[in-house]
Amino acid sequence: MLTMKTFSPDARIRAPVKRCCIIDFFYYLQCNMKLETKSDGRSKDDSRELARFGYVQQLRRSMGAFSSFAISFSLISIITGIFANFGFGYRQVGPAILWSWTVVGFGQFLVALVMADLATRIPISGYGYQWTSRLLNPHFGYFVGWLLLMQFLTGFPGVCQALAATLSGMAGGGNGEWIVTGLTVGVISLITLVHLYGIRLVSRVNNIGVFTEIFGAALITLVLLGLYFISGKADFTVIFEAGVTGSGRSPGFSAFALSLLMGAWCLTGFEAAADLAEETHQPKSTVPRAVIVSQLSAAIGGFFMLLAFILSIEERAMVAGSGAPLISVLQAKLGARWMSMVGLVVVASIFACGVASMASATRLIFSLARDSMLPFSSRLRRIHPASRAPRIATTAVWALSCAVVLLIRRLEIITSISAVAGYLGYCGIVTAALMSARKSGNRGAGFSLGRLQRPVQWVALAWTLIVVAALTVPANRVEGFSDTHLPAKSALAALLLGLAVYLVLIRSRILRGQAGPPLEKSAA
């Protein structure tokens, strides 16, 4: 639970004890935004900590506790993930999708614990690349960084396309190919402009989007549950049923494995706070808290939202066959008059997700380029002196994303890489944590797994391998494609591209000592 101290560390502006939670939330948001525009002596301590890892403070350190939480929560974006993927999961196991979500939530919580532990020890932008390079070696770190970069670079255009399709539908323009393509390029460009102005604007835009998503998700859930109880037909046995058609045949292992994907696609991105550690005040305490709280709040909030939707479904077969099942449920329960408000919440959530996705991608590029681990590193690592943001890296993400949208007619070819690459990157992070007994970094009073470190790491590794298998092994046909293993083949192609870059350019740089993170200085 987010406490008053989390949002407002300055005792001078703490809220009175007795205050309703909604007012508290507005108050915390306002106070946090004010605090983030100021700097104090702690920023100097953060810069000295960064210097111990061999880097000079270049990015603007202006993010506080709420913004750190918000960047992770918006990248998870339970509204975006659940609305986009509910139909897929429901077709596999029916109402039992609620328990598939629970399994994923627990598994991802373990991964979040591992990352929070590493974020305390190594609070540097580039997170997974930096962690694995310093725990093992930069060769291994390069591939983890490449996979994580593929996760964001391929996911970002998909998020923007989802927003474009939503806007087009709300405006009555339909989902014509060129209309959606043009809107997608427009969304990518708008998000890029936000980033070119620097992290302060990014944080504020993202904070507003996250608050809208939290408020909207809570309101939708409470209204649907309220209507369900008022109907006098409350029967919770439905959530323990499996299957959609009522044939009596239980879904097999393959169907259950596929049902995990709805949660697996959604409950990722909680590590984004770690990627912006160099722009966060007191990252050794702020970032681990943001990683854990964002994952827990998304998993728990998503559970109750799914519960509300499942209980509100009256015709299972109709919902299972619908292209937008949750929109159908909301229209039936709330009426068309309230759907415009729901649409605004969805738009704000997806936009915030896109902002967070670009933030993570550009900071990862900056971290890799700073260590000469990418082609054109000398340009990609440049920081604009006024905004103190990686503008060239931001422009590169804009150009790549627009090119993908304009040149590839079926974006699923690219976006199918995102989840597989992301979970392979998670595997690499947890593996590095397990293989290294080295306690990198001056932990101080930060988060620690203590004696649970090894057990949590082993179970987290097993979990990430299970998800990778679920993403790649079962036949999963993407609409419009005859290939039943498109995600696996697309991710393999992205990995082979990274291997080619490594063999041609990066390996020799590392061997010559011209690439990789600098040596860590001993603590004073």
Protein backbone atom coordinates (compact mmCIF):
# COMPACT_ATOMS: atom_id res chain seq x y z
CA MET A 1 0.00 0.00 0.00
CA LEU A 2 1.32 3.45 -0.92
CA THR A 3 1.84 5.43 2.26
CA MET A 4 1.89 9.15 2.88
CA LYS A 5 5.64 8.95 3.30
CA THR A 6 6.04 7.35 -0.13
CA PHE A 7 4.40 10.24 -1.93
CA SER A 8 5.53 13.13 0.21
CA PRO A 9 8.86 12.73 2.01
CA ASP A 10 8.87 16.42 2.92
CA ALA A 11 7.27 16.69 6.36
CA ARG A 12 6.33 20.31 5.75
CA ILE A 13 3.65 19.38 3.21
CA ARG A 14 2.22 16.21 4.66
CA ALA A 15 -1.52 15.93 4.56
CA PRO A 16 -3.65 15.76 7.71
CA VAL A 17 -4.19 12.24 9.00
CA LYS A 18 -7.96 12.26 8.56
CA ARG A 19 -8.73 12.64 4.87
CA CYS A 20 -10.61 10.49 2.37
CA CYS A 21 -8.41 8.38 0.12
CA ILE A 22 -9.43 10.13 -3.13
CA ILE A 23 -8.55 13.56 -1.74
CA ASP A 24 -5.29 12.12 -0.41
CA PHE A 25 -4.43 10.82 -3.85
CA PHE A 26 -4.96 14.25 -5.47
CA TYR A 27 -2.94 15.84 -2.69
CA TYR A 28 -0.05 13.40 -3.00
CA LEU A 29 0.02 13.86 -6.75
CA GLN A 30 0.14 17.65 -6.41
CA CYS A 31 2.81 17.59 -3.70
CA ASN A 32 4.96 15.13 -5.62
CA MET A 33 4.84 17.24 -8.76
CA LYS A 34 5.97 20.28 -6.77
CA LEU A 35 8.80 18.36 -5.16
CA GLU A 36 10.01 17.02 -8.49
CA THR A 37 10.75 20.51 -9.79
CA LYS A 38 13.18 21.12 -6.92
CA SER A 39 16.59 19.74 -6.15
CA ASP A 40 18.35 19.46 -2.84
CA GLY A 41 21.48 18.05 -1.31
CA ARG A 42 20.28 14.51 -1.91
CA SER A 43 20.69 15.03 -5.67
CA LYS A 44 24.40 15.57 -5.07
CA ASP A 45 24.53 12.31 -3.13
CA ASP A 46 22.79 10.57 -6.05
CA SER A 47 25.35 12.02 -8.48
CA ARG A 48 28.23 10.86 -6.29
CA GLU A 49 26.70 7.38 -6.17
CA LEU A 50 26.49 7.36 -9.98
CA ALA A 51 30.12 8.53 -10.22
CA ARG A 52 31.14 5.49 -8.18
CA PHE A 53 29.89 3.36 -11.06
CA GLY A 54 32.04 5.37 -13.48
CA TYR A 55 29.50 7.82 -14.92
CA VAL A 56 28.94 11.58 -14.79
CA GLN A 57 25.41 12.82 -14.12
CA GLN A 58 24.09 13.85 -17.54
CA LEU A 59 20.35 13.23 -17.43
CA ARG A 60 18.15 15.60 -15.41
CA ARG A 61 17.36 14.04 -12.03
CA SER A 62 13.84 15.31 -11.36
CA MET A 63 11.55 12.31 -10.85
CA GLY A 64 10.05 11.64 -7.44
CA ALA A 65 8.32 8.66 -5.88
CA PHE A 66 5.00 8.95 -7.67
CA SER A 67 6.55 9.53 -11.10
CA SER A 68 8.82 6.53 -10.62
CA PHE A 69 5.80 4.39 -9.73
CA ALA A 70 3.76 5.91 -12.57
CA ILE A 71 6.30 5.14 -15.31
CA SER A 72 6.17 1.45 -14.35
CA PHE A 73 2.41 1.31 -13.81
CA SER A 74 1.64 2.99 -17.14
CA LEU A 75 3.92 0.61 -19.02
CA ILE A 76 2.05 -2.32 -17.46
CA SER A 77 -1.28 -0.56 -18.25
CA ILE A 78 -3.86 -3.07 -17.06
CA ILE A 79 -6.65 -1.34 -19.00
CA THR A 80 -4.69 -1.56 -22.26
CA GLY A 81 -3.65 -5.17 -21.65
CA ILE A 82 -6.97 -6.51 -20.40
CA PHE A 83 -9.12 -4.75 -23.01
CA ALA A 84 -6.81 -5.92 -25.82
CA ASN A 85 -6.31 -9.54 -24.74
CA PHE A 86 -9.34 -10.59 -22.70
CA GLY A 87 -11.03 -12.25 -25.68
CA PHE A 88 -7.97 -14.40 -26.38
CA GLY A 89 -7.70 -15.63 -22.79
CA TYR A 90 -11.44 -16.15 -22.39
CA ARG A 91 -11.60 -18.33 -25.49
CA GLN A 92 -9.01 -20.66 -23.95
CA VAL A 93 -10.47 -21.37 -20.48
CA GLY A 94 -13.53 -19.15 -19.98
CA PRO A 95 -14.06 -17.69 -16.49
CA ALA A 96 -10.99 -19.59 -15.23
CA ILE A 97 -8.94 -16.85 -16.89
CA LEU A 98 -9.18 -15.16 -13.48
CA TRP A 99 -6.95 -17.88 -11.99
CA SER A 100 -4.55 -17.82 -14.92
CA TRP A 101 -4.12 -14.12 -14.17
CA THR A 102 -3.47 -14.95 -10.51
CA VAL A 103 -0.74 -17.44 -11.42
CA VAL A 104 0.93 -14.87 -13.69
CA GLY A 105 0.63 -12.20 -11.00
CA PHE A 106 2.45 -14.38 -8.48
CA GLY A 107 5.18 -15.37 -10.93
CA GLN A 108 5.77 -11.78 -12.00
CA PHE A 109 5.87 -10.69 -8.36
CA LEU A 110 8.89 -12.95 -7.87
CA VAL A 111 10.59 -11.43 -10.92
CA ALA A 112 9.82 -7.96 -9.56
CA LEU A 113 11.46 -8.89 -6.25
CA VAL A 114 14.64 -9.97 -8.05
CA MET A 115 14.71 -6.73 -10.04
CA ALA A 116 14.03 -4.60 -6.97
CA ASP A 117 16.99 -6.26 -5.26
CA LEU A 118 19.24 -5.52 -8.24
CA ALA A 119 17.93 -1.95 -8.57
CA THR A 120 19.09 -1.31 -4.99
CA ARG A 121 22.55 -2.64 -5.73
CA ILE A 122 23.03 -1.07 -9.19
CA PRO A 123 20.79 2.02 -9.60
CA ILE A 124 21.73 2.86 -13.20
CA SER A 125 19.74 3.56 -16.37
CA GLY A 126 19.89 0.64 -18.75
CA TYR A 127 18.88 -1.68 -15.89
CA GLY A 128 19.09 -5.26 -17.29
CA TYR A 129 22.09 -4.48 -19.49
CA GLN A 130 23.95 -2.81 -16.62
CA TRP A 131 23.03 -5.49 -14.08
CA THR A 132 24.05 -8.47 -16.19
CA SER A 133 27.21 -6.80 -17.56
CA ARG A 134 28.44 -6.02 -14.06
CA LEU A 135 27.35 -9.30 -12.47
CA LEU A 136 28.75 -11.52 -15.26
CA ASN A 137 30.39 -9.84 -18.25
CA PRO A 138 29.55 -7.31 -21.00
CA HIS A 139 29.22 -10.04 -23.65
CA PHE A 140 26.28 -11.56 -21.78
CA GLY A 141 25.04 -8.08 -20.88
CA TYR A 142 24.93 -7.06 -24.53
CA PHE A 143 22.49 -9.83 -25.44
CA VAL A 144 20.26 -9.12 -22.45
CA GLY A 145 20.28 -5.43 -23.38
CA TRP A 146 19.51 -6.26 -27.02
CA LEU A 147 16.52 -8.44 -26.04
CA LEU A 148 15.13 -5.77 -23.73
CA LEU A 149 15.62 -3.15 -26.43
CA MET A 150 13.72 -5.34 -28.91
CA GLN A 151 10.93 -5.62 -26.35
CA PHE A 152 10.42 -1.85 -26.28
CA LEU A 153 11.21 -1.03 -29.91
CA THR A 154 8.72 -3.60 -31.21
CA GLY A 155 6.09 -2.98 -28.55
CA PHE A 156 6.03 0.81 -28.92
CA PRO A 157 4.60 0.91 -32.50
CA GLY A 158 1.96 -1.63 -31.45
CA VAL A 159 0.84 0.54 -28.53
CA CYS A 160 0.62 3.57 -30.82
CA GLN A 161 -1.37 1.61 -33.40
CA ALA A 162 -3.79 0.45 -30.68
CA LEU A 163 -4.36 4.09 -29.68
CA ALA A 164 -4.81 5.12 -33.31
CA ALA A 165 -7.40 2.38 -33.91
CA THR A 166 -9.26 3.42 -30.73
CA LEU A 167 -9.31 7.09 -31.75
CA SER A 168 -10.45 6.22 -35.26
CA GLY A 169 -13.29 4.08 -33.92
CA MET A 170 -14.40 6.75 -31.44
CA ALA A 171 -14.44 9.37 -34.21
CA GLY A 172 -16.51 7.13 -36.48
CA GLY A 173 -13.75 6.91 -39.05
CA GLY A 174 -13.64 3.12 -38.96
CA ASN A 175 -10.49 1.06 -38.97
CA GLY A 176 -9.38 1.61 -42.56
CA GLU A 177 -5.76 0.69 -43.09
CA TRP A 178 -4.47 4.07 -44.20
CA ILE A 179 -6.55 6.00 -41.67
CA VAL A 180 -5.09 3.96 -38.81
CA THR A 181 -1.59 4.14 -40.31
CA GLY A 182 -1.72 7.92 -40.55
CA LEU A 183 -3.06 8.25 -37.03
CA THR A 184 -0.37 5.88 -35.75
CA VAL A 185 2.39 8.02 -37.23
CA GLY A 186 0.70 11.05 -35.67
CA VAL A 187 0.60 9.40 -32.22
CA ILE A 188 4.27 8.37 -32.48
CA SER A 189 5.21 11.93 -33.44
CA LEU A 190 3.19 13.48 -30.60
CA ILE A 191 4.81 11.21 -28.01
CA THR A 192 8.21 12.04 -29.50
CA LEU A 193 7.55 15.77 -29.12
CA VAL A 194 6.72 15.24 -25.45
CA HIS A 195 10.04 13.47 -24.97
CA LEU A 196 12.07 16.09 -26.81
CA TYR A 197 11.11 18.61 -24.12
CA GLY A 198 12.68 16.47 -21.40
CA ILE A 199 11.83 14.19 -18.51
CA ARG A 200 9.83 16.76 -16.54
CA LEU A 201 7.14 17.03 -19.21
CA VAL A 202 7.27 13.26 -19.75
CA SER A 203 6.70 12.70 -16.02
CA ARG A 204 3.80 15.11 -15.79
CA VAL A 205 2.02 13.79 -18.86
CA ASN A 206 2.55 10.24 -17.65
CA ASN A 207 1.37 11.09 -14.11
CA ILE A 208 -1.91 12.46 -15.45
CA GLY A 209 -2.41 9.38 -17.63
CA VAL A 210 -1.72 7.03 -14.73
CA PHE A 211 -4.08 8.86 -12.39
CA THR A 212 -6.79 8.69 -15.07
CA GLU A 213 -6.18 4.97 -15.51
CA ILE A 214 -6.27 4.22 -11.79
CA PHE A 215 -9.43 6.27 -11.25
CA GLY A 216 -11.11 4.89 -14.38
CA ALA A 217 -10.23 1.26 -13.64
CA ALA A 218 -11.50 1.58 -10.07
CA LEU A 219 -14.73 3.24 -11.22
CA ILE A 220 -15.43 0.62 -13.91
CA THR A 221 -14.78 -2.20 -11.44
CA LEU A 222 -16.94 -0.72 -8.67
CA VAL A 223 -19.85 0.10 -10.99
CA LEU A 224 -19.91 -3.37 -12.55
CA LEU A 225 -19.68 -5.11 -9.18
CA GLY A 226 -22.35 -2.80 -7.76
CA LEU A 227 -24.71 -3.57 -10.63
CA TYR A 228 -24.04 -7.28 -10.19
CA PHE A 229 -24.95 -7.27 -6.49
CA ILE A 230 -27.99 -5.05 -7.04
CA SER A 231 -29.32 -7.50 -9.63
CA GLY A 232 -29.93 -10.04 -6.86
CA LYS A 233 -28.38 -12.84 -8.95
CA ALA A 234 -25.04 -12.98 -7.17
CA ASP A 235 -23.43 -16.36 -7.78
CA PHE A 236 -19.67 -16.61 -7.48
CA THR A 237 -19.47 -20.25 -8.56
CA VAL A 238 -19.05 -19.06 -12.14
CA ILE A 239 -15.45 -18.01 -11.49
CA PHE A 240 -14.53 -21.65 -10.80
CA GLU A 241 -15.86 -22.89 -14.14
CA ALA A 242 -13.61 -23.60 -17.11
CA GLY A 243 -14.53 -23.63 -20.76
CA VAL A 244 -16.60 -21.28 -22.86
CA THR A 245 -19.19 -23.22 -24.76
CA GLY A 246 -20.58 -25.22 -21.83
CA SER A 247 -19.80 -28.53 -23.54
CA GLY A 248 -18.52 -29.96 -20.27
CA ARG A 249 -15.07 -30.65 -21.70
CA SER A 250 -12.31 -29.24 -19.53
CA PRO A 251 -9.55 -27.30 -21.27
CA GLY A 252 -6.30 -29.20 -21.61
CA PHE A 253 -2.78 -28.21 -20.64
CA SER A 254 -2.18 -26.42 -23.93
CA ALA A 255 -5.28 -24.26 -23.47
CA PHE A 256 -4.28 -23.37 -19.91
CA ALA A 257 -0.74 -22.53 -21.06
CA LEU A 258 -2.16 -20.23 -23.72
CA SER A 259 -4.51 -18.62 -21.19
CA LEU A 260 -1.46 -17.54 -19.19
CA LEU A 261 -0.48 -15.32 -22.08
CA MET A 262 -3.15 -12.72 -21.37
CA GLY A 263 -1.54 -11.95 -18.02
CA ALA A 264 1.97 -12.51 -19.39
CA TRP A 265 1.40 -9.92 -22.13
CA CYS A 266 -0.07 -7.44 -19.67
CA LEU A 267 1.95 -7.76 -16.44
CA THR A 268 5.27 -6.61 -17.86
CA GLY A 269 6.95 -3.23 -17.73
CA PHE A 270 7.19 -2.89 -13.95
CA GLU A 271 10.96 -2.65 -14.40
CA ALA A 272 10.64 0.66 -16.29
CA ALA A 273 11.35 2.62 -13.11
CA ALA A 274 14.78 0.99 -12.96
CA ASP A 275 15.53 2.13 -16.51
CA LEU A 276 15.03 5.75 -15.42
CA ALA A 277 17.07 5.42 -12.23
CA GLU A 278 19.48 8.20 -13.22
CA GLU A 279 16.56 10.63 -13.48
CA THR A 280 15.06 9.67 -10.12
CA HIS A 281 15.78 11.17 -6.71
CA GLN A 282 17.15 8.62 -4.21
CA PRO A 283 16.88 5.73 -6.70
CA LYS A 284 18.24 3.11 -4.29
CA SER A 285 15.09 3.44 -2.20
CA THR A 286 12.59 4.94 -4.66
CA VAL A 287 13.05 2.58 -7.63
CA PRO A 288 12.75 -0.78 -5.79
CA ARG A 289 9.56 0.46 -4.13
CA ALA A 290 8.17 1.60 -7.50
CA VAL A 291 8.95 -1.76 -9.13
CA ILE A 292 7.24 -3.79 -6.40
CA VAL A 293 4.25 -1.50 -5.79
CA SER A 294 3.49 -1.08 -9.51
CA GLN A 295 3.50 -4.83 -10.07
CA LEU A 296 1.40 -5.59 -7.01
CA SER A 297 -1.14 -2.85 -7.65
CA ALA A 298 -1.50 -3.89 -11.30
CA ALA A 299 -1.90 -7.58 -10.43
CA ILE A 300 -4.45 -6.93 -7.65
CA GLY A 301 -6.31 -4.21 -9.56
CA GLY A 302 -6.42 -6.40 -12.66
CA PHE A 303 -7.80 -9.31 -10.61
CA PHE A 304 -10.79 -7.30 -9.41
CA MET A 305 -11.38 -5.78 -12.84
CA LEU A 306 -11.41 -9.26 -14.40
CA LEU A 307 -13.73 -10.47 -11.63
CA ALA A 308 -16.15 -7.63 -12.37
CA PHE A 309 -16.15 -8.37 -16.11
CA ILE A 310 -16.52 -12.13 -15.70
CA LEU A 311 -19.47 -11.75 -13.32
CA SER A 312 -21.09 -9.28 -15.73
CA ILE A 313 -21.01 -11.65 -18.72
CA GLU A 314 -24.44 -13.10 -19.47
CA GLU A 315 -23.89 -14.73 -22.88
CA ARG A 316 -20.53 -16.49 -22.84
CA ALA A 317 -20.59 -17.72 -26.40
CA MET A 318 -21.40 -14.23 -27.71
CA VAL A 319 -18.59 -12.65 -25.70
CA ALA A 320 -16.12 -15.33 -26.77
CA GLY A 321 -16.90 -14.64 -30.42
CA SER A 322 -16.76 -10.86 -30.15
CA GLY A 323 -13.81 -8.88 -31.44
CA ALA A 324 -14.14 -6.44 -28.52
CA PRO A 325 -15.84 -8.48 -25.74
CA LEU A 326 -15.31 -6.04 -22.89
CA ILE A 327 -16.70 -3.13 -24.88
CA SER A 328 -19.78 -5.29 -25.53
CA VAL A 329 -20.12 -6.01 -21.80
CA LEU A 330 -19.82 -2.34 -20.89
CA GLN A 331 -22.32 -1.26 -23.52
CA ALA A 332 -24.81 -3.81 -22.24
CA LYS A 333 -24.37 -2.79 -18.59
CA LEU A 334 -23.78 0.96 -18.80
CA GLY A 335 -25.42 2.01 -22.04
CA ALA A 336 -23.98 3.96 -24.94
CA ARG A 337 -24.12 7.28 -23.07
CA TRP A 338 -21.34 6.29 -20.67
CA MET A 339 -19.12 4.68 -23.27
CA SER A 340 -17.56 8.00 -24.27
CA MET A 341 -16.20 8.36 -20.72
CA VAL A 342 -14.84 4.82 -20.84
CA GLY A 343 -13.26 5.63 -24.18
CA LEU A 344 -11.46 8.64 -22.74
CA VAL A 345 -10.04 6.50 -19.92
CA VAL A 346 -8.83 3.91 -22.43
CA VAL A 347 -7.25 6.61 -24.63
CA ALA A 348 -5.45 8.20 -21.65
CA SER A 349 -4.19 4.78 -20.50
CA ILE A 350 -2.84 3.78 -23.90
CA PHE A 351 -1.21 7.19 -24.42
CA ALA A 352 0.54 6.97 -21.04
CA CYS A 353 1.69 3.45 -21.94
CA GLY A 354 3.19 4.80 -25.17
CA VAL A 355 4.97 7.63 -23.32
CA ALA A 356 6.45 5.16 -20.83
CA SER A 357 7.46 2.74 -23.58
CA MET A 358 9.44 5.43 -25.44
CA ALA A 359 11.03 6.58 -22.18
CA SER A 360 12.30 3.07 -21.46
CA ALA A 361 13.51 2.50 -25.02
CA THR A 362 15.45 5.77 -25.25
CA ARG A 363 17.12 5.38 -21.84
CA LEU A 364 18.18 1.84 -22.68
CA ILE A 365 19.62 3.04 -25.99
CA PHE A 366 21.45 5.83 -24.17
CA SER A 367 22.92 3.42 -21.61
CA LEU A 368 24.07 0.96 -24.27
CA ALA A 369 25.49 3.70 -26.51
CA ARG A 370 27.28 5.37 -23.58
CA ASP A 371 29.28 2.13 -23.29
CA SER A 372 29.77 1.86 -27.11
CA MET A 373 27.54 -1.23 -27.25
CA LEU A 374 25.49 -0.16 -30.29
CA PRO A 375 26.21 1.00 -33.85
CA PHE A 376 26.43 4.81 -34.07
CA SER A 377 27.04 4.95 -30.32
CA SER A 378 28.90 8.26 -30.51
CA ARG A 379 25.70 9.95 -31.70
CA LEU A 380 23.09 7.98 -29.80
CA ARG A 381 24.66 8.75 -26.42
CA ARG A 382 24.55 12.53 -26.86
CA ILE A 383 22.49 14.50 -24.35
CA HIS A 384 20.88 17.80 -25.33
CA PRO A 385 22.34 20.52 -23.06
CA ALA A 386 19.03 22.35 -22.50
CA SER A 387 16.54 19.50 -22.01
CA ARG A 388 19.22 17.10 -20.73
CA ALA A 389 17.41 14.34 -22.60
CA PRO A 390 18.78 11.87 -25.19
CA ARG A 391 17.23 13.67 -28.16
CA ILE A 392 19.12 11.79 -30.87
CA ALA A 393 18.10 8.45 -29.35
CA THR A 394 14.52 9.74 -29.15
CA THR A 395 14.60 10.80 -32.79
CA ALA A 396 16.02 7.40 -33.75
CA VAL A 397 13.12 5.61 -32.02
CA TRP A 398 10.68 7.94 -33.82
CA ALA A 399 12.26 7.24 -37.22
CA LEU A 400 12.40 3.47 -36.72
CA SER A 401 8.82 3.31 -35.44
CA CYS A 402 7.43 5.41 -38.30
CA ALA A 403 9.34 3.34 -40.85
CA VAL A 404 7.96 0.11 -39.38
CA VAL A 405 4.39 1.43 -39.45
CA LEU A 406 4.65 2.76 -43.01
CA LEU A 407 6.59 -0.13 -44.58
CA ILE A 408 5.14 -3.21 -42.87
CA ARG A 409 1.44 -3.63 -43.55
CA ARG A 410 0.89 -6.25 -40.85
CA LEU A 411 2.40 -4.87 -37.65
CA GLU A 412 1.84 -8.20 -35.88
CA ILE A 413 5.04 -9.44 -37.51
CA ILE A 414 6.97 -6.90 -35.43
CA THR A 415 4.89 -6.70 -32.27
CA SER A 416 4.93 -10.49 -31.84
CA ILE A 417 8.61 -10.12 -30.93
CA SER A 418 7.94 -7.95 -27.87
CA ALA A 419 6.72 -10.46 -25.27
CA VAL A 420 9.16 -13.25 -26.22
CA ALA A 421 12.15 -10.89 -26.23
CA GLY A 422 11.07 -9.35 -22.93
CA TYR A 423 10.77 -12.66 -21.10
CA LEU A 424 14.04 -13.91 -22.56
CA GLY A 425 15.58 -10.72 -21.18
CA TYR A 426 14.03 -11.48 -17.79
CA CYS A 427 15.58 -14.96 -17.96
CA GLY A 428 18.97 -13.38 -18.60
CA ILE A 429 18.62 -10.99 -15.66
CA VAL A 430 17.61 -13.70 -13.19
CA THR A 431 20.31 -16.04 -14.52
CA ALA A 432 22.99 -13.39 -13.99
CA ALA A 433 21.74 -12.78 -10.44
CA LEU A 434 21.94 -16.50 -9.71
CA MET A 435 25.35 -17.07 -11.28
CA SER A 436 27.03 -14.18 -9.53
CA ALA A 437 27.73 -14.28 -5.83
CA ARG A 438 29.17 -10.78 -6.05
CA LYS A 439 27.33 -8.14 -4.07
CA SER A 440 27.75 -5.26 -6.47
CA GLY A 441 27.06 -1.80 -5.17
CA ASN A 442 26.81 -0.26 -1.74
CA ARG A 443 23.42 -1.55 -0.65
CA GLY A 444 23.07 0.66 2.41
CA ALA A 445 19.54 0.69 3.80
CA GLY A 446 17.85 -0.26 0.52
CA PHE A 447 15.60 -3.17 -0.32
CA SER A 448 17.07 -6.66 0.13
CA LEU A 449 15.75 -10.20 -0.25
CA GLY A 450 18.14 -11.35 2.45
CA ARG A 451 18.08 -15.11 3.02
CA LEU A 452 15.22 -15.49 0.53
CA GLN A 453 17.42 -14.25 -2.31
CA ARG A 454 18.43 -17.63 -3.77
CA PRO A 455 15.01 -19.37 -3.40
CA VAL A 456 13.22 -16.41 -4.98
CA GLN A 457 15.73 -16.26 -7.84
CA TRP A 458 15.41 -19.98 -8.61
CA VAL A 459 11.60 -19.90 -8.67
CA ALA A 460 11.63 -16.68 -10.71
CA LEU A 461 13.94 -18.31 -13.28
CA ALA A 462 11.67 -21.35 -13.51
CA TRP A 463 8.69 -19.06 -13.98
CA THR A 464 10.26 -17.01 -16.79
CA LEU A 465 11.25 -20.20 -18.61
CA ILE A 466 7.67 -21.47 -18.32
CA VAL A 467 6.35 -18.26 -19.87
CA VAL A 468 8.88 -18.39 -22.70
CA ALA A 469 7.72 -21.95 -23.40
CA ALA A 470 4.06 -20.87 -23.28
CA LEU A 471 4.82 -18.06 -25.74
CA THR A 472 6.72 -20.20 -28.22
CA VAL A 473 5.80 -23.91 -27.99
CA PRO A 474 1.98 -24.16 -28.28
CA ALA A 475 0.51 -23.48 -31.72
CA ASN A 476 -0.90 -19.95 -31.56
CA ARG A 477 -2.21 -18.61 -34.83
CA VAL A 478 -2.16 -14.83 -35.20
CA GLU A 479 -5.19 -13.62 -37.16
CA GLY A 480 -4.36 -13.32 -40.83
CA PHE A 481 -1.24 -15.53 -40.64
CA SER A 482 -1.04 -19.24 -41.44
CA ASP A 483 2.16 -19.65 -39.40
CA THR A 484 1.23 -20.96 -35.93
CA HIS A 485 4.59 -20.02 -34.36
CA LEU A 486 5.00 -16.44 -35.57
CA PRO A 487 6.14 -15.02 -32.17
CA ALA A 488 8.92 -17.61 -31.83
CA LYS A 489 10.18 -17.15 -35.38
CA SER A 490 10.01 -13.35 -35.24
CA ALA A 491 11.89 -13.27 -31.92
CA LEU A 492 14.51 -15.64 -33.33
CA ALA A 493 15.02 -13.32 -36.31
CA ALA A 494 15.49 -10.35 -33.94
CA LEU A 495 17.98 -12.34 -31.87
CA LEU A 496 19.94 -13.34 -34.99
CA LEU A 497 20.10 -9.69 -36.00
CA GLY A 498 21.56 -8.89 -32.59
CA LEU A 499 24.04 -11.73 -32.98
CA ALA A 500 25.18 -10.33 -36.33
CA VAL A 501 25.74 -6.88 -34.79
CA TYR A 502 27.67 -8.51 -31.94
CA LEU A 503 29.95 -10.56 -34.21
CA VAL A 504 30.63 -7.77 -36.68
CA LEU A 505 31.07 -4.86 -34.30
CA ILE A 506 30.52 -5.28 -30.55
CA ARG A 507 32.62 -8.34 -29.73
CA SER A 508 35.83 -6.81 -31.00
CA ARG A 509 35.12 -3.56 -29.15
CA ILE A 510 34.67 -5.42 -25.87
CA LEU A 511 37.83 -7.48 -26.37
CA ARG A 512 39.83 -4.31 -27.07
CA GLY A 513 38.41 -2.68 -23.93
CA GLN A 514 36.59 -0.05 -26.00
CA ALA A 515 33.07 -1.10 -24.97
CA GLY A 516 31.26 -2.18 -21.85
CA PRO A 517 30.58 -0.48 -18.51
CA PRO A 518 33.49 1.19 -16.70
CA LEU A 519 34.99 -0.38 -13.60
CA GLU A 520 33.21 0.31 -10.37
CA LYS A 521 35.10 2.40 -7.84
CA SER A 522 35.35 1.23 -4.29
CA ALA A 523 33.07 2.97 -1.81
CA ALA A 524 34.70 5.63 0.29
